N, C-alpha and C. Protein backbone atom coordinates (compact mmCIF):
# COMPACT_ATOMS: atom_id res chain seq x y z
N GLU A 1 0.91 -1.34 -0.08
CA GLU A 1 -0.06 0.12 0.02
C GLU A 1 0.68 1.15 0.00
N VAL A 2 0.75 2.21 -0.80
CA VAL A 2 1.30 3.26 -0.99
C VAL A 2 0.72 4.49 0.08
N GLN A 3 1.87 4.99 0.43
CA GLN A 3 1.35 6.06 1.25
C GLN A 3 2.08 7.44 1.16
N THR A 4 1.25 8.36 1.19
CA THR A 4 1.98 9.67 0.56
C THR A 4 1.89 10.43 1.94
N ILE A 5 3.31 10.95 2.17
CA ILE A 5 3.51 12.12 3.12
C ILE A 5 3.71 13.19 2.69
N GLU A 6 2.80 14.30 3.00
CA GLU A 6 2.87 15.66 2.39
C GLU A 6 3.99 16.51 3.38
N ASN A 7 4.84 17.22 2.31
CA ASN A 7 5.83 18.05 3.14
C ASN A 7 6.83 17.39 3.37
N ALA A 8 6.91 16.38 3.49
CA ALA A 8 8.16 15.61 4.05
C ALA A 8 9.61 15.38 3.33
N VAL A 9 10.73 15.33 3.85
CA VAL A 9 11.79 15.17 3.34
C VAL A 9 12.64 14.03 3.87
N CYS A 10 13.62 13.36 3.47
CA CYS A 10 14.72 12.42 4.28
C CYS A 10 15.97 13.23 4.44
N MET A 11 15.97 12.48 5.99
CA MET A 11 17.41 13.06 6.55
C MET A 11 18.29 12.05 6.88
N HIS A 12 19.66 11.87 6.60
CA HIS A 12 20.35 10.89 6.98
C HIS A 12 21.79 11.40 7.01
N GLU A 13 22.75 10.63 7.84
CA GLU A 13 23.92 10.90 7.70
C GLU A 13 24.77 9.68 6.70
N GLU A 14 26.05 10.18 6.24
CA GLU A 14 26.40 8.68 5.74
C GLU A 14 27.56 9.47 5.37
N ASP A 15 28.34 8.12 5.35
CA ASP A 15 30.01 8.12 5.19
C ASP A 15 30.59 8.56 3.75
N HIS A 16 31.46 9.21 3.57
CA HIS A 16 31.85 9.97 2.51
C HIS A 16 33.21 9.65 2.14
N GLY A 17 33.96 8.55 2.60
CA GLY A 17 35.54 8.52 2.32
C GLY A 17 36.02 8.57 3.35
N ILE A 18 37.66 8.64 2.97
CA ILE A 18 38.52 9.15 3.72
C ILE A 18 38.56 10.79 3.95
N LEU A 19 38.57 11.12 5.17
CA LEU A 19 38.84 12.79 5.14
C LEU A 19 40.29 13.09 5.45
N TRP A 20 40.92 12.41 6.10
CA TRP A 20 42.53 12.51 6.13
C TRP A 20 43.33 11.52 6.71
N LYS A 21 44.38 11.24 6.05
CA LYS A 21 45.42 10.35 6.84
C LYS A 21 46.72 10.60 6.98
N HIS A 22 47.39 10.32 8.03
CA HIS A 22 48.68 10.55 8.19
C HIS A 22 49.55 9.66 8.98
N THR A 23 50.83 9.50 8.56
CA THR A 23 51.64 8.77 9.03
C THR A 23 52.99 9.29 9.81
N ASP A 24 53.34 9.43 10.73
CA ASP A 24 54.68 10.03 11.34
C ASP A 24 55.45 9.12 11.01
N TRP A 25 56.46 9.83 10.17
CA TRP A 25 57.54 8.56 10.07
C TRP A 25 58.69 8.37 11.16
N ARG A 26 58.58 9.61 12.45
CA ARG A 26 59.35 9.20 13.47
C ARG A 26 58.97 8.09 14.44
N THR A 27 57.94 8.20 14.40
CA THR A 27 57.07 7.09 15.38
C THR A 27 56.32 6.11 15.12
N ASP A 28 56.20 6.03 13.63
CA ASP A 28 55.56 5.03 12.44
C ASP A 28 54.26 5.01 12.92
N HIS A 29 53.37 6.06 13.78
CA HIS A 29 52.18 6.66 14.07
C HIS A 29 51.13 6.45 13.02
N THR A 30 50.05 5.76 12.79
CA THR A 30 49.28 6.01 11.80
C THR A 30 47.55 6.48 12.26
N ALA A 31 47.22 7.57 11.95
CA ALA A 31 45.68 8.26 11.82
C ALA A 31 45.25 8.49 10.67
N SER A 32 44.10 8.31 10.80
CA SER A 32 42.96 8.78 9.83
C SER A 32 41.66 9.04 10.57
N ARG A 33 40.69 9.82 9.65
CA ARG A 33 39.62 10.08 10.09
C ARG A 33 38.60 9.86 8.55
N ARG A 34 37.53 9.52 9.04
CA ARG A 34 36.48 9.56 8.32
C ARG A 34 35.30 10.57 7.70
N SER A 35 35.02 11.22 6.31
CA SER A 35 34.35 12.07 6.44
C SER A 35 32.83 11.79 6.40
N ARG A 36 32.15 12.52 6.94
CA ARG A 36 30.71 12.19 7.41
C ARG A 36 30.12 13.66 6.47
N ARG A 37 28.54 13.18 5.73
CA ARG A 37 28.00 14.17 5.04
C ARG A 37 26.33 13.83 5.47
N LEU A 38 25.55 14.84 5.75
CA LEU A 38 24.68 15.19 6.44
C LEU A 38 23.82 15.23 4.95
N VAL A 39 22.79 14.59 4.48
CA VAL A 39 22.04 14.24 3.00
C VAL A 39 20.38 14.73 3.45
N ILE A 40 20.08 15.72 2.97
CA ILE A 40 18.48 16.12 2.92
C ILE A 40 18.22 15.94 1.69
N SER A 41 17.20 14.85 1.41
CA SER A 41 16.55 14.74 -0.07
C SER A 41 15.47 14.75 0.09
N PHE A 42 14.51 14.98 -0.99
CA PHE A 42 13.30 14.62 -1.63
C PHE A 42 13.24 14.21 -3.07
N VAL A 43 11.97 13.32 -3.39
CA VAL A 43 11.47 12.97 -4.72
C VAL A 43 10.37 13.57 -5.21
N CYS A 44 10.33 14.10 -6.28
CA CYS A 44 8.93 14.69 -7.34
C CYS A 44 8.71 13.66 -8.51
N THR A 45 7.61 13.07 -8.28
CA THR A 45 7.05 12.06 -9.21
C THR A 45 6.28 13.02 -10.33
N ILE A 46 6.76 13.19 -11.51
CA ILE A 46 6.11 14.20 -13.06
C ILE A 46 6.15 13.55 -13.88
N ALA A 47 4.76 13.07 -14.21
CA ALA A 47 4.28 11.99 -15.03
C ALA A 47 4.76 10.64 -14.80
N ASN A 48 5.97 10.30 -15.59
CA ASN A 48 6.10 8.70 -15.73
C ASN A 48 7.77 8.78 -15.13
N TYR A 49 8.48 10.15 -14.55
CA TYR A 49 9.85 10.34 -14.08
C TYR A 49 9.76 10.69 -12.81
N GLU A 50 10.46 10.10 -12.07
CA GLU A 50 10.82 10.80 -10.51
C GLU A 50 12.21 11.52 -10.89
N TYR A 51 12.18 12.60 -10.03
CA TYR A 51 13.53 13.95 -9.87
C TYR A 51 13.76 13.45 -8.32
N GLY A 52 14.94 12.97 -8.09
CA GLY A 52 15.44 13.23 -6.57
C GLY A 52 16.47 14.53 -6.71
N PHE A 53 16.22 15.20 -5.39
CA PHE A 53 16.76 16.20 -5.56
C PHE A 53 17.84 16.05 -3.83
N PHE A 54 19.13 16.10 -4.11
CA PHE A 54 19.92 15.66 -2.81
C PHE A 54 20.49 17.28 -2.31
N TYR A 55 20.62 17.34 -1.33
CA TYR A 55 21.41 18.32 -0.55
C TYR A 55 22.32 17.79 0.15
N TYR A 56 23.55 17.82 -0.09
CA TYR A 56 25.05 17.21 0.98
C TYR A 56 25.62 18.23 1.56
N LEU A 57 25.73 18.56 2.83
CA LEU A 57 26.18 19.33 3.94
C LEU A 57 27.59 18.33 4.53
N TYR A 58 28.60 19.40 4.28
CA TYR A 58 29.97 18.85 4.74
C TYR A 58 30.38 19.25 6.12
N MET A 59 31.40 18.52 6.58
CA MET A 59 31.73 18.66 7.41
C MET A 59 32.88 20.04 7.79
N ASP A 60 33.01 20.55 6.58
CA ASP A 60 34.11 21.91 6.16
C ASP A 60 33.06 22.81 6.08
N GLY A 61 31.87 22.91 6.09
CA GLY A 61 30.62 23.64 5.85
C GLY A 61 30.19 24.15 4.12
N THR A 62 31.02 22.91 3.27
CA THR A 62 30.59 22.92 1.81
C THR A 62 29.19 22.43 1.91
N ILE A 63 28.57 22.99 0.94
CA ILE A 63 27.16 22.58 0.59
C ILE A 63 27.05 22.35 -0.87
N GLU A 64 26.54 21.05 -1.28
CA GLU A 64 26.62 20.14 -2.47
C GLU A 64 24.97 20.06 -2.78
N PHE A 65 24.47 20.14 -4.16
CA PHE A 65 23.53 20.30 -4.72
C PHE A 65 23.48 19.15 -5.67
N GLU A 66 22.58 18.29 -6.10
CA GLU A 66 22.41 17.44 -7.14
C GLU A 66 21.00 16.76 -7.07
N VAL A 67 20.71 16.61 -8.57
CA VAL A 67 19.52 16.21 -9.19
C VAL A 67 19.78 15.31 -9.75
N LYS A 68 18.86 13.96 -9.37
CA LYS A 68 18.99 12.80 -10.18
C LYS A 68 17.54 12.48 -10.80
N LEU A 69 17.85 12.03 -12.11
CA LEU A 69 16.14 11.98 -13.04
C LEU A 69 16.41 10.37 -13.19
N THR A 70 15.35 9.56 -13.10
CA THR A 70 14.91 8.41 -13.03
C THR A 70 13.35 7.96 -13.36
N GLY A 71 13.05 6.85 -14.26
CA GLY A 71 11.82 6.81 -14.95
C GLY A 71 11.81 5.75 -16.02
N VAL A 72 10.62 5.66 -16.31
CA VAL A 72 10.58 4.75 -17.43
C VAL A 72 10.27 5.40 -18.52
N LEU A 73 10.75 5.11 -20.00
CA LEU A 73 10.36 6.27 -21.03
C LEU A 73 9.23 5.67 -21.40
N SER A 74 8.36 6.61 -21.71
CA SER A 74 7.04 6.55 -21.98
C SER A 74 6.71 6.65 -24.04
N THR A 75 6.90 5.13 -24.48
CA THR A 75 6.79 5.30 -25.77
C THR A 75 5.37 4.79 -26.34
N GLY A 76 5.15 4.82 -27.53
CA GLY A 76 4.18 4.16 -28.39
C GLY A 76 4.12 4.06 -29.68
N ALA A 77 3.58 3.30 -30.61
CA ALA A 77 3.81 2.96 -31.76
C ALA A 77 2.51 3.66 -32.38
N ILE A 78 3.10 3.84 -34.29
CA ILE A 78 1.48 4.38 -34.57
C ILE A 78 1.75 3.47 -36.11
N ALA A 79 0.52 3.23 -36.47
CA ALA A 79 0.58 2.70 -37.71
C ALA A 79 1.54 3.20 -39.08
N VAL A 80 2.00 2.29 -39.80
CA VAL A 80 2.51 3.26 -41.13
C VAL A 80 1.77 3.90 -42.03
N GLY A 81 2.15 4.77 -42.01
CA GLY A 81 1.29 5.93 -43.09
C GLY A 81 0.59 7.08 -41.89
N GLU A 82 0.54 7.04 -40.81
CA GLU A 82 0.12 7.92 -39.80
C GLU A 82 1.02 8.59 -39.34
N THR A 83 0.52 10.04 -38.82
CA THR A 83 1.56 10.65 -38.23
C THR A 83 0.79 11.21 -36.78
N SER A 84 1.76 11.76 -36.05
CA SER A 84 1.48 11.89 -34.58
C SER A 84 1.80 13.25 -34.46
N GLU A 85 0.72 13.97 -33.65
CA GLU A 85 0.51 15.70 -33.08
C GLU A 85 1.65 15.63 -31.99
N TYR A 86 2.48 14.86 -31.60
CA TYR A 86 3.39 14.58 -30.56
C TYR A 86 4.53 14.46 -30.47
N GLY A 87 5.43 14.80 -32.05
CA GLY A 87 6.82 14.30 -32.47
C GLY A 87 6.95 13.67 -33.73
N THR A 88 7.89 13.29 -33.91
CA THR A 88 7.97 12.25 -35.18
C THR A 88 8.22 11.04 -34.83
């Protein structure tokens, strides 16, 4: 069963690879830290396509925005000799 939640967004934290790594050649001590980012996203369905909007907030204050498109191509066939008013 499909549920619609009006005016809702998805918010989660995710790993974003190595933030930094350092090896002290004097002591042979190695330290590293992982990068994390906060993701705020939502998806809009328009006709037969879904548009995903993603805001990425990084630990250094950087903000990135990304739009992703997915969906099913809507195609149709016409008989030989007929024309369509919606394209070629």
